[in-house]
Amino acid sequence: MSTENRAEATGKNIEGKVQEAVGNITGDAKDQAAGQAKQAQAAAGHAVEDAKDKAKDVVDKA
């Protein structure tokens, strides 16, 4: 597990939530979409790290 990668994904998620919220407040569809895209990137980053963790657990148990 890379703590650095998880922290980066968490930061990207927060950034996306803020950008989406600003887009909601201002009615800017581009900001809303960009914020949602950043959140999706963050979710993908967490999924990659989860897969790495599972692979490491399998190797460690072998």
C-alpha atoms as a PDB file:
ATOM      1  CA  MET A   1       0.000   0.000   0.000  1.00  0.00           C
ATOM      2  CA  SER A   2       1.339   3.347  -0.960  1.00  0.00           C
ATOM      3  CA  THR A   3       0.300   5.938   1.567  1.00  0.00           C
ATOM      4  CA  GLU A   4       1.461   8.640  -0.811  1.00  0.00           C
ATOM      5  CA  ASN A   5      -0.812   7.373  -3.605  1.00  0.00           C
ATOM      6  CA  ARG A   6      -3.778   7.091  -1.246  1.00  0.00           C
ATOM      7  CA  ALA A   7      -3.183  10.616   0.058  1.00  0.00           C
ATOM      8  CA  GLU A   8      -2.997  11.915  -3.487  1.00  0.00           C
ATOM      9  CA  ALA A   9      -6.277  10.192  -4.377  1.00  0.00           C
ATOM     10  CA  THR A  10      -7.937  11.546  -1.245  1.00  0.00           C
ATOM     11  CA  GLY A  11      -6.746  15.053  -2.109  1.00  0.00           C
ATOM     12  CA  LYS A  12      -8.075  14.663  -5.650  1.00  0.00           C
ATOM     13  CA  ASN A  13     -11.426  13.513  -4.236  1.00  0.00           C
ATOM     14  CA  ILE A  14     -11.671  16.534  -1.930  1.00  0.00           C
ATOM     15  CA  GLU A  15     -10.672  18.860  -4.759  1.00  0.00           C
ATOM     16  CA  GLY A  16     -13.362  17.297  -6.940  1.00  0.00           C
ATOM     17  CA  LYS A  17     -16.039  17.654  -4.266  1.00  0.00           C
ATOM     18  CA  VAL A  18     -15.181  21.322  -3.789  1.00  0.00           C
ATOM     19  CA  GLN A  19     -15.153  22.005  -7.509  1.00  0.00           C
ATOM     20  CA  GLU A  20     -18.484  20.227  -7.970  1.00  0.00           C
ATOM     21  CA  ALA A  21     -20.003  22.187  -5.063  1.00  0.00           C
ATOM     22  CA  VAL A  22     -18.786  25.470  -6.551  1.00  0.00           C
ATOM     23  CA  GLY A  23     -20.292  24.424  -9.863  1.00  0.00           C
ATOM     24  CA  ASN A  24     -23.579  23.660  -8.142  1.00  0.00           C
ATOM     25  CA  ILE A  25     -23.605  27.040  -6.413  1.00  0.00           C
ATOM     26  CA  THR A  26     -22.687  29.011  -9.527  1.00  0.00           C
ATOM     27  CA  GLY A  27     -24.658  26.845 -11.928  1.00  0.00           C
ATOM     28  CA  ASP A  28     -21.499  26.135 -13.955  1.00  0.00           C
ATOM     29  CA  ALA A  29     -21.999  22.741 -15.578  1.00  0.00           C
ATOM     30  CA  LYS A  30     -18.327  22.565 -16.612  1.00  0.00           C
ATOM     31  CA  ASP A  31     -17.159  22.877 -12.988  1.00  0.00           C
ATOM     32  CA  GLN A  32     -19.720  20.290 -11.924  1.00  0.00           C
ATOM     33  CA  ALA A  33     -18.515  17.833 -14.552  1.00  0.00           C
ATOM     34  CA  ALA A  34     -14.844  18.497 -13.856  1.00  0.00           C
ATOM     35  CA  GLY A  35     -15.421  17.961 -10.148  1.00  0.00           C
ATOM     36  CA  GLN A  36     -17.200  14.686 -10.796  1.00  0.00           C
ATOM     37  CA  ALA A  37     -14.382  13.580 -13.092  1.00  0.00           C
ATOM     38  CA  LYS A  38     -11.792  14.281 -10.381  1.00  0.00           C
ATOM     39  CA  GLN A  39     -13.830  12.243  -7.925  1.00  0.00           C
ATOM     40  CA  ALA A  40     -13.940   9.362 -10.420  1.00  0.00           C
ATOM     41  CA  GLN A  41     -10.154   9.564 -10.845  1.00  0.00           C
ATOM     42  CA  ALA A  42      -9.772   9.424  -7.070  1.00  0.00           C
ATOM     43  CA  ALA A  43     -12.027   6.375  -6.843  1.00  0.00           C
ATOM     44  CA  ALA A  44      -9.956   4.665  -9.526  1.00  0.00           C
ATOM     45  CA  GLY A  45      -6.766   5.493  -7.629  1.00  0.00           C
ATOM     46  CA  HIS A  46      -8.181   3.951  -4.462  1.00  0.00           C
ATOM     47  CA  ALA A  47      -9.267   0.860  -6.420  1.00  0.00           C
ATOM     48  CA  VAL A  48      -5.734   0.417  -7.764  1.00  0.00           C
ATOM     49  CA  GLU A  49      -4.286   0.685  -4.267  1.00  0.00           C
ATOM     50  CA  ASP A  50      -6.882  -1.799  -2.961  1.00  0.00           C
ATOM     51  CA  ALA A  51      -5.867  -4.255  -5.696  1.00  0.00           C
ATOM     52  CA  LYS A  52      -2.197  -3.811  -4.797  1.00  0.00           C
ATOM     53  CA  ASP A  53      -3.010  -4.482  -1.144  1.00  0.00           C
ATOM     54  CA  LYS A  54      -4.915  -7.667  -2.008  1.00  0.00           C
ATOM     55  CA  ALA A  55      -2.098  -8.886  -4.251  1.00  0.00           C
ATOM     56  CA  LYS A  56       0.433  -8.248  -1.515  1.00  0.00           C
ATOM     57  CA  ASP A  57      -1.717 -10.157   0.989  1.00  0.00           C
ATOM     58  CA  VAL A  58      -1.893 -13.142  -1.373  1.00  0.00           C
ATOM     59  CA  VAL A  59       1.867 -13.112  -1.901  1.00  0.00           C
ATOM     60  CA  ASP A  60       2.532 -12.751   1.816  1.00  0.00           C
ATOM     61  CA  LYS A  61       0.285 -15.727   2.611  1.00  0.00           C
ATOM     62  CA  ALA A  62       1.966 -17.928   0.022  1.00  0.00           C
END
